[in-house]
Amino acid sequence: MRLLKAAGIAVVLLDRRPDEDSAHPRCDLAGIDNHRAGYLAAEHLLRLGARHIGFLGYRHQASTVRTRIQGYKDALGADSRRAGSTHVFLAPAEERLKLPAAAWRVTRSCARTTGSPGA
């Protein structure tokens, strides 16, 4: 990033800023409100009547995903029936291509923590 700025090349970042300090604060960013996205997704499921809502992600994910997780937690916290019952599952990054297996583990874990079958 420093080399691009030094060369006078305009930079527009997409989706997120790099976690490292190499991004100059004046770089433009085109992205979404990740907190709101997580909140709206969870709120939508609540309105549909979902009883067990979990968030499945990968360890060491981007900061955008961490912000979506917070939005998910805030939505469940705002629902008096769900306050304090968030389930965040972070699978190892090497399991990216094994999503069905990871989702199955989430379902089993939700069933154990709530005492009811299914997720």
Foldseek 3Di string as FASTA:
>chain_A
DVVCVVVVHAAEAEADDDPDPPDDPPHHYDHDQLLVVLQVVLLVCVVVPDDADAAEEAPPDDVSVVSSLNSVLVNLCVDVVRNPPYHYHHHHPVCPVVVVVSVVVSQVVSCVVVVHHGD
